[in-house]
């Protein structure tokens, strides 16, 4: 997504002042060749911080609106996120400011978060995910990839997305039907408050109560898509539901009562794999280079470090379920993030907010499945196919 703004003739790349969120990984390594990079806390960024700036590189915690940019000298705004509901696009267009986001940059990371959460819950509750029906609400960048991943794993999957037309191989259903039929419901819609299909509080008390017995609800999209107060009340009344929340209404405030009742809680990090974050940074850097009419001299391969775990070797005795769980948890064990999140339960409100942001800012390195090579040459074809469907780099010879 870009504005129609063209490159100002007076803008000299080496003279750029680039203001960036301090939590964007490798932002200096990416952008330093284009000018001076100033890093600041994104959540508290003010109009004064943008004095003399040509470029703003943001994340979702910065509300880029008219008040922030109207007196600035900005020529370009980029957000290293797939979503852009924190950006007031008409304000950028009104001032002729170029824009880019990073669509799909963290989609794979979020998909893997969901798969890892389901793996943990399936083991705890004694079922296999391939025997469940999964419903996806919002079949965009993330939802679409999750749909394909689950299909590849042999899972029955359906979707609700009123903005999509029917397509071959995709089972699209109304929301009421999805609630009635699905054992797992994953939410991946943007947050909208207007239009024909607003998603704000899309899951309120009525929808939550309509979920079938034993449903797993996963929200790794936008916090306010679920009415958190209604969810708290429903969970108090129904102990058959399992809930995974990565996003929370009113972040960085987190309702400790709700946190205590969910099965897995994390601090908005589903899309925080290192690979996803570097992808987002590089995508915005490349967009800025195009805006300036310059070649991109930094690549993702140049920036991304080697993973701490590079290879697994399975024997012929492993079965597909066991191999999948071992590989996923070796790459990302979601229980660690849940345990860290629960420390918030012992804190006062202001301390909770600070700790929430601290966990995001200091998030431990997590790599994606594709960075792990797996030697499955001695394992069965079923094992190899399962690992390949999950996205691992499988060596089968």
Protein backbone atom coordinates (compact mmCIF):
# COMPACT_ATOMS: atom_id res chain seq x y z
CA UNK A 1 0.00 0.00 0.00
CA UNK A 2 1.47 3.36 -1.02
CA UNK A 3 0.33 6.94 -1.31
CA UNK A 4 0.45 8.72 -4.65
CA UNK A 5 3.17 11.02 -3.34
CA UNK A 6 6.22 11.20 -5.61
CA UNK A 7 9.74 11.76 -4.44
CA UNK A 8 10.42 15.42 -3.61
CA UNK A 9 13.16 16.75 -5.87
CA UNK A 10 14.93 18.42 -2.94
CA UNK A 11 15.18 15.26 -0.87
CA UNK A 12 18.78 14.08 -0.78
CA UNK A 13 19.02 10.51 0.57
CA UNK A 14 22.24 11.05 2.52
CA UNK A 15 20.69 14.02 4.31
CA UNK A 16 17.63 12.14 5.57
CA UNK A 17 16.64 12.23 9.21
CA UNK A 18 14.92 8.95 10.00
CA UNK A 19 12.96 8.59 13.25
CA UNK A 20 12.29 4.97 14.14
CA UNK A 21 10.72 2.96 16.92
CA UNK A 22 13.55 1.73 19.14
CA UNK A 23 12.10 -1.79 19.17
CA UNK A 24 12.36 -2.37 15.44
CA UNK A 25 15.09 -4.98 14.97
CA UNK A 26 18.12 -4.12 12.86
CA UNK A 27 16.65 -0.72 11.99
CA UNK A 28 20.04 1.01 12.08
CA UNK A 29 21.66 -1.70 9.98
CA UNK A 30 18.90 -1.32 7.39
CA UNK A 31 18.44 2.44 7.22
CA UNK A 32 21.81 3.94 8.21
CA UNK A 33 22.93 4.02 4.58
CA UNK A 34 20.12 6.44 3.82
CA UNK A 35 20.73 8.99 6.58
CA UNK A 36 20.81 9.59 10.32
CA UNK A 37 18.67 7.16 12.32
CA UNK A 38 17.16 8.37 15.61
CA UNK A 39 15.45 5.67 17.69
CA UNK A 40 12.74 6.52 20.25
CA UNK A 41 10.05 4.73 22.26
CA UNK A 42 7.20 4.17 19.82
CA UNK A 43 4.29 4.25 22.25
CA UNK A 44 5.16 7.72 23.57
CA UNK A 45 6.22 9.33 20.27
CA UNK A 46 5.10 12.98 19.97
CA UNK A 47 4.96 15.62 17.27
CA UNK A 48 8.01 17.29 18.82
CA UNK A 49 9.99 14.08 18.30
CA UNK A 50 9.42 14.43 14.56
CA UNK A 51 10.94 17.92 14.29
CA UNK A 52 13.10 17.98 11.16
CA UNK A 53 12.40 14.34 10.34
CA UNK A 54 12.00 13.18 6.75
CA UNK A 55 11.03 9.58 7.49
CA UNK A 56 9.12 7.83 10.27
CA UNK A 57 9.48 4.07 10.69
CA UNK A 58 6.86 2.85 13.13
CA UNK A 59 5.18 -0.18 14.68
CA UNK A 60 1.59 -0.75 15.76
CA UNK A 61 2.06 1.00 19.14
CA UNK A 62 2.43 4.40 17.44
CA UNK A 63 -0.81 6.11 16.43
CA UNK A 64 0.17 8.00 13.29
CA UNK A 65 -2.59 10.57 12.92
CA UNK A 66 -3.09 14.16 11.81
CA UNK A 67 -2.09 15.55 15.20
CA UNK A 68 1.23 13.73 15.06
CA UNK A 69 2.28 14.70 11.53
CA UNK A 70 0.48 17.92 10.56
CA UNK A 71 3.38 20.25 11.43
CA UNK A 72 6.15 17.86 10.47
CA UNK A 73 8.43 17.75 7.46
CA UNK A 74 7.79 14.05 6.90
CA UNK A 75 8.00 12.79 3.33
CA UNK A 76 7.53 9.08 4.04
CA UNK A 77 5.97 6.89 6.76
CA UNK A 78 6.52 3.17 6.95
CA UNK A 79 5.14 0.69 9.46
CA UNK A 80 6.99 -2.58 9.94
CA UNK A 81 3.68 -4.36 10.49
CA UNK A 82 1.21 -6.13 8.26
CA UNK A 83 -1.75 -4.21 9.63
CA UNK A 84 -2.12 -0.45 9.36
CA UNK A 85 -5.18 0.33 11.49
CA UNK A 86 -2.90 2.50 13.64
CA UNK A 87 -2.18 4.73 10.62
CA UNK A 88 -4.54 7.53 9.60
CA UNK A 89 -4.05 7.10 5.86
CA UNK A 90 -6.18 10.10 4.78
CA UNK A 91 -3.95 12.37 6.88
CA UNK A 92 -0.85 11.07 5.10
CA UNK A 93 -2.48 11.51 1.70
CA UNK A 94 -3.63 15.03 2.57
CA UNK A 95 -0.04 16.03 3.31
CA UNK A 96 1.46 14.16 0.37
CA UNK A 97 3.38 11.74 2.57
CA UNK A 98 4.48 8.45 1.02
CA UNK A 99 3.49 5.29 2.85
CA UNK A 100 4.18 1.60 3.04
CA UNK A 101 3.33 -1.21 5.40
CA UNK A 102 4.68 -4.77 5.36
CA UNK A 103 1.78 -7.04 4.36
CA UNK A 104 2.34 -10.66 5.24
CA UNK A 105 5.64 -10.05 7.02
CA UNK A 106 4.59 -11.84 10.19
CA UNK A 107 1.90 -14.13 8.82
CA UNK A 108 3.98 -17.28 9.07
CA UNK A 109 5.02 -16.41 12.62
CA UNK A 110 1.38 -16.07 13.71
CA UNK A 111 0.44 -19.34 11.99
CA UNK A 112 3.20 -21.14 13.88
CA UNK A 113 2.05 -19.55 17.15
CA UNK A 114 -1.44 -20.98 16.60
CA UNK A 115 -0.09 -24.43 15.67
CA UNK A 116 2.16 -24.50 18.75
CA UNK A 117 -0.72 -23.49 21.02
CA UNK A 118 -2.93 -26.23 19.58
CA UNK A 119 -0.14 -28.78 20.03
CA UNK A 120 0.13 -27.97 23.75
CA UNK A 121 -3.64 -28.02 24.32
CA UNK A 122 -4.08 -31.24 22.34
CA UNK A 123 -1.49 -33.01 24.47
CA UNK A 124 -3.02 -31.68 27.69
CA UNK A 125 -6.56 -32.66 26.79
CA UNK A 126 -5.74 -35.92 25.02
CA UNK A 127 -6.88 -35.33 21.46
CA UNK A 128 -5.27 -35.07 18.02
CA UNK A 129 -5.74 -31.86 16.06
CA UNK A 130 -6.35 -33.84 12.86
CA UNK A 131 -9.56 -35.08 14.45
CA UNK A 132 -10.92 -31.58 15.07
CA UNK A 133 -12.73 -29.06 12.89
CA UNK A 134 -11.09 -25.63 12.83
CA UNK A 135 -12.87 -22.41 11.93
CA UNK A 136 -10.93 -19.34 10.84
CA UNK A 137 -12.56 -15.92 11.11
CA UNK A 138 -10.80 -13.61 8.65
CA UNK A 139 -9.06 -15.32 5.74
CA UNK A 140 -6.49 -12.67 4.87
CA UNK A 141 -2.70 -12.90 4.98
CA UNK A 142 -2.60 -14.83 8.25
CA UNK A 143 -5.93 -16.61 8.06
CA UNK A 144 -5.27 -17.73 4.51
CA UNK A 145 -1.91 -19.22 5.39
CA UNK A 146 -3.33 -20.92 8.47
CA UNK A 147 -6.12 -22.37 6.32
CA UNK A 148 -3.60 -23.86 3.87
CA UNK A 149 -1.34 -25.14 6.66
CA UNK A 150 -4.22 -26.94 8.36
CA UNK A 151 -5.41 -28.41 5.07
CA UNK A 152 -1.90 -29.73 4.43
CA UNK A 153 -1.99 -31.38 7.87
CA UNK A 154 -5.25 -33.12 7.02
CA UNK A 155 -7.42 -31.00 9.35
CA UNK A 156 -11.02 -30.19 8.47
CA UNK A 157 -11.08 -26.41 8.16
CA UNK A 158 -13.66 -23.77 7.25
CA UNK A 159 -13.63 -19.99 7.16
CA UNK A 160 -15.85 -16.98 7.70
CA UNK A 161 -14.98 -13.84 5.79
CA UNK A 162 -17.80 -11.76 4.29
CA UNK A 163 -15.32 -9.87 2.10
CA UNK A 164 -14.36 -13.02 0.18
CA UNK A 165 -16.11 -14.58 -2.76
CA UNK A 166 -16.47 -18.35 -3.06
CA UNK A 167 -13.35 -20.12 -4.29
CA UNK A 168 -12.55 -23.72 -5.11
CA UNK A 169 -11.20 -25.76 -2.23
CA UNK A 170 -12.29 -23.28 0.46
CA UNK A 171 -15.31 -23.88 2.67
CA UNK A 172 -16.81 -20.48 3.45
CA UNK A 173 -19.63 -20.38 6.01
CA UNK A 174 -21.64 -17.82 7.94
CA UNK A 175 -20.39 -16.98 11.43
CA UNK A 176 -23.33 -18.64 13.15
CA UNK A 177 -22.62 -21.89 11.34
CA UNK A 178 -18.93 -21.70 12.16
CA UNK A 179 -19.73 -21.27 15.85
CA UNK A 180 -22.05 -24.25 15.74
CA UNK A 181 -19.72 -26.64 13.91
CA UNK A 182 -16.14 -25.86 14.90
CA UNK A 183 -14.06 -27.30 17.74
CA UNK A 184 -11.37 -24.64 17.32
CA UNK A 185 -11.95 -21.01 16.33
CA UNK A 186 -9.04 -18.77 15.35
CA UNK A 187 -9.56 -15.02 14.92
CA UNK A 188 -7.48 -13.20 12.30
CA UNK A 189 -9.52 -10.18 11.26
CA UNK A 190 -8.35 -6.58 11.20
CA UNK A 191 -10.00 -4.26 13.71
CA UNK A 192 -12.68 -2.08 12.10
CA UNK A 193 -15.44 -0.01 13.66
CA UNK A 194 -17.35 1.05 10.54
CA UNK A 195 -18.40 -0.25 7.16
CA UNK A 196 -20.68 -3.16 6.34
CA UNK A 197 -18.75 -5.66 8.46
CA UNK A 198 -17.24 -4.02 11.55
CA UNK A 199 -15.13 -6.37 13.64
CA UNK A 200 -15.04 -4.41 16.91
CA UNK A 201 -16.51 -6.78 19.54
CA UNK A 202 -17.38 -9.24 16.77
CA UNK A 203 -17.21 -11.86 19.50
CA UNK A 204 -19.47 -10.61 22.25
CA UNK A 205 -21.49 -12.49 24.83
CA UNK A 206 -23.91 -13.91 22.25
CA UNK A 207 -21.18 -15.38 20.06
CA UNK A 208 -19.14 -16.67 23.00
CA UNK A 209 -22.14 -18.45 24.51
CA UNK A 210 -23.00 -19.93 21.11
CA UNK A 211 -19.68 -21.79 20.85
CA UNK A 212 -20.07 -25.55 21.16
CA UNK A 213 -19.00 -27.48 24.24
CA UNK A 214 -15.22 -27.74 24.57
CA UNK A 215 -14.37 -25.12 21.95
CA UNK A 216 -10.86 -23.71 21.79
CA UNK A 217 -10.89 -19.95 21.03
CA UNK A 218 -7.65 -18.37 19.84
CA UNK A 219 -7.25 -14.64 19.31
CA UNK A 220 -3.91 -13.70 17.79
CA UNK A 221 -5.33 -10.88 15.69
CA UNK A 222 -6.68 -7.74 17.34
CA UNK A 223 -7.64 -7.52 21.01
CA UNK A 224 -10.93 -5.66 20.67
CA UNK A 225 -12.35 -8.15 18.18
CA UNK A 226 -13.31 -10.00 21.37
CA UNK A 227 -15.26 -8.17 24.06
CA UNK A 228 -12.87 -8.95 26.93
CA UNK A 229 -15.40 -8.16 29.64
CA UNK A 230 -17.94 -10.49 28.03
CA UNK A 231 -15.26 -13.17 27.67
CA UNK A 232 -14.43 -12.89 31.37
CA UNK A 233 -18.07 -13.35 32.33
CA UNK A 234 -18.53 -16.31 29.98
CA UNK A 235 -15.39 -18.04 31.27
CA UNK A 236 -16.67 -17.66 34.81
CA UNK A 237 -19.84 -19.48 33.75
CA UNK A 238 -18.34 -22.07 31.37
CA UNK A 239 -15.34 -24.16 32.39
CA UNK A 240 -15.55 -26.27 29.22
CA UNK A 241 -13.97 -23.61 27.01
CA UNK A 242 -10.25 -23.22 26.33
CA UNK A 243 -8.94 -19.78 25.42
CA UNK A 244 -5.63 -18.60 23.99
CA UNK A 245 -5.13 -14.82 23.99
CA UNK A 246 -2.12 -13.10 22.50
CA UNK A 247 -3.94 -9.79 22.07
CA UNK A 248 -5.91 -7.90 24.70
CA UNK A 249 -8.41 -5.12 24.72
CA UNK A 250 -6.92 -1.85 26.08
CA UNK A 251 -3.26 -2.92 25.72
CA UNK A 252 -0.89 -2.48 27.47
CA UNK A 253 -3.47 -2.85 30.22
CA UNK A 254 -4.34 -6.49 30.83
CA UNK A 255 -7.23 -7.62 32.99
CA UNK A 256 -5.56 -9.92 35.56
CA UNK A 257 -8.86 -11.69 36.22
CA UNK A 258 -9.12 -12.63 32.55
CA UNK A 259 -5.44 -13.59 32.35
CA UNK A 260 -5.95 -15.99 35.23
CA UNK A 261 -8.81 -17.75 33.42
CA UNK A 262 -7.29 -18.16 29.95
CA UNK A 263 -5.38 -21.34 29.16
CA UNK A 264 -2.51 -19.61 27.36
CA UNK A 265 -1.80 -15.88 27.59
CA UNK A 266 1.00 -13.98 25.86
CA UNK A 267 1.92 -10.28 25.43
CA UNK A 268 1.03 -9.66 21.76
CA UNK A 269 4.03 -11.57 20.40
CA UNK A 270 2.44 -14.11 18.04
CA UNK A 271 4.03 -12.35 15.08
CA UNK A 272 7.32 -11.72 16.86
CA UNK A 273 9.59 -14.34 15.36
CA UNK A 274 12.94 -12.82 14.50
CA UNK A 275 12.40 -13.80 10.88
CA UNK A 276 9.08 -11.93 10.77
CA UNK A 277 10.50 -8.81 12.39
CA UNK A 278 13.49 -8.68 10.06
CA UNK A 279 11.17 -9.22 7.09
CA UNK A 280 9.03 -6.26 8.17
CA UNK A 281 12.08 -4.02 8.57
CA UNK A 282 13.48 -4.98 5.18
CA UNK A 283 10.13 -4.56 3.42
CA UNK A 284 9.79 -0.97 4.66
CA UNK A 285 13.43 -0.26 3.82
CA UNK A 286 12.89 -1.52 0.28
CA UNK A 287 9.71 0.55 -0.05
CA UNK A 288 11.59 3.67 1.05
CA UNK A 289 14.32 2.95 -1.48
CA UNK A 290 11.70 2.69 -4.24
CA UNK A 291 10.17 5.95 -3.06
CA UNK A 292 13.58 7.62 -3.29
CA UNK A 293 14.38 5.99 -6.61
CA UNK A 294 17.41 4.24 -5.15
CA UNK A 295 18.60 0.63 -5.26
CA UNK A 296 18.16 -1.40 -2.07
CA UNK A 297 21.68 -2.26 -0.96
CA UNK A 298 20.75 -4.26 2.14
CA UNK A 299 19.07 -7.65 1.90
CA UNK A 300 17.34 -9.85 4.44
CA UNK A 301 19.96 -12.55 3.93
CA UNK A 302 22.66 -10.06 4.92
CA UNK A 303 20.91 -9.22 8.19
CA UNK A 304 19.39 -12.48 9.48
CA UNK A 305 21.66 -14.41 11.87
CA UNK A 306 21.94 -18.17 12.02
CA UNK A 307 19.40 -19.87 14.30
CA UNK A 308 20.62 -21.30 17.63
CA UNK A 309 19.28 -24.74 16.65
CA UNK A 310 19.99 -25.72 13.07
CA UNK A 311 19.30 -29.45 12.80
CA UNK A 312 17.31 -32.34 14.31
CA UNK A 313 17.77 -36.03 13.51
CA UNK A 314 14.87 -38.45 13.95
CA UNK A 315 15.16 -42.22 14.12
CA UNK A 316 12.88 -44.75 12.48
CA UNK A 317 10.96 -45.35 15.72
CA UNK A 318 9.36 -41.90 15.92
CA UNK A 319 5.73 -41.49 14.87
CA UNK A 320 4.28 -38.46 13.12
CA UNK A 321 2.58 -36.93 16.17
CA UNK A 322 5.69 -37.29 18.31
CA UNK A 323 8.00 -35.91 15.62
CA UNK A 324 5.74 -32.91 15.02
CA UNK A 325 5.55 -32.04 18.73
CA UNK A 326 9.29 -32.42 19.30
CA UNK A 327 10.14 -30.28 16.28
CA UNK A 328 7.63 -27.55 17.10
CA UNK A 329 8.64 -27.29 20.73
CA UNK A 330 12.33 -27.34 19.86
CA UNK A 331 11.69 -24.30 17.70
CA UNK A 332 9.10 -22.55 19.89
CA UNK A 333 7.68 -23.66 23.22
CA UNK A 334 4.77 -21.32 23.84
CA UNK A 335 4.59 -22.31 27.52
CA UNK A 336 7.61 -20.13 28.27
CA UNK A 337 5.82 -16.99 27.08
CA UNK A 338 2.70 -17.96 29.01
CA UNK A 339 4.73 -18.42 32.20
CA UNK A 340 6.36 -15.00 31.81
CA UNK A 341 3.01 -13.38 31.13
CA UNK A 342 1.53 -14.76 34.35
CA UNK A 343 4.03 -12.76 36.36
CA UNK A 344 1.71 -9.82 35.67
CA UNK A 345 -0.82 -11.35 38.05
CA UNK A 346 1.28 -10.28 41.03
CA UNK A 347 1.74 -6.68 39.89
CA UNK A 348 -0.08 -3.41 40.44
CA UNK A 349 -1.89 -1.88 37.41
CA UNK A 350 0.82 0.59 36.37
CA UNK A 351 3.54 -2.01 36.83
CA UNK A 352 1.55 -4.45 34.69
CA UNK A 353 1.44 -2.00 31.81
CA UNK A 354 5.16 -1.35 32.00
CA UNK A 355 5.90 -5.07 32.24
CA UNK A 356 3.71 -5.83 29.23
CA UNK A 357 5.70 -3.45 27.05
CA UNK A 358 8.98 -4.64 28.61
CA UNK A 359 8.24 -8.25 27.61
CA UNK A 360 7.58 -7.17 24.04
CA UNK A 361 10.66 -4.95 23.88
CA UNK A 362 12.93 -7.63 25.35
CA UNK A 363 11.34 -10.62 23.67
CA UNK A 364 13.66 -13.63 23.40
CA UNK A 365 14.76 -14.68 19.94
CA UNK A 366 12.26 -17.02 18.31
CA UNK A 367 12.89 -18.54 14.90
CA UNK A 368 10.44 -19.96 12.38
CA UNK A 369 10.04 -23.63 11.49
CA UNK A 370 11.74 -23.18 8.10
CA UNK A 371 15.07 -22.36 9.81
CA UNK A 372 15.29 -25.87 11.28
CA UNK A 373 16.65 -28.68 9.12
CA UNK A 374 15.33 -32.11 10.04
CA UNK A 375 16.93 -35.36 8.97
CA UNK A 376 13.98 -37.73 8.63
CA UNK A 377 15.64 -40.11 6.20
CA UNK A 378 15.24 -43.04 8.61
CA UNK A 379 11.66 -42.13 9.50
CA UNK A 380 8.42 -43.11 7.83
CA UNK A 381 6.90 -41.26 4.92
CA UNK A 382 4.09 -40.14 7.22
CA UNK A 383 6.63 -38.46 9.51
CA UNK A 384 8.30 -36.74 6.59
CA UNK A 385 4.99 -35.51 5.18
CA UNK A 386 3.82 -34.17 8.53
CA UNK A 387 7.03 -32.21 9.08
CA UNK A 388 6.97 -30.84 5.55
CA UNK A 389 3.34 -29.77 5.99
CA UNK A 390 4.36 -27.84 9.10
CA UNK A 391 7.01 -25.97 7.10
CA UNK A 392 10.24 -27.56 8.37
CA UNK A 393 13.20 -28.05 6.05
CA UNK A 394 13.04 -31.85 5.81
CA UNK A 395 15.99 -33.88 4.58
CA UNK A 396 14.52 -37.19 3.44
CA UNK A 397 17.56 -38.80 1.76
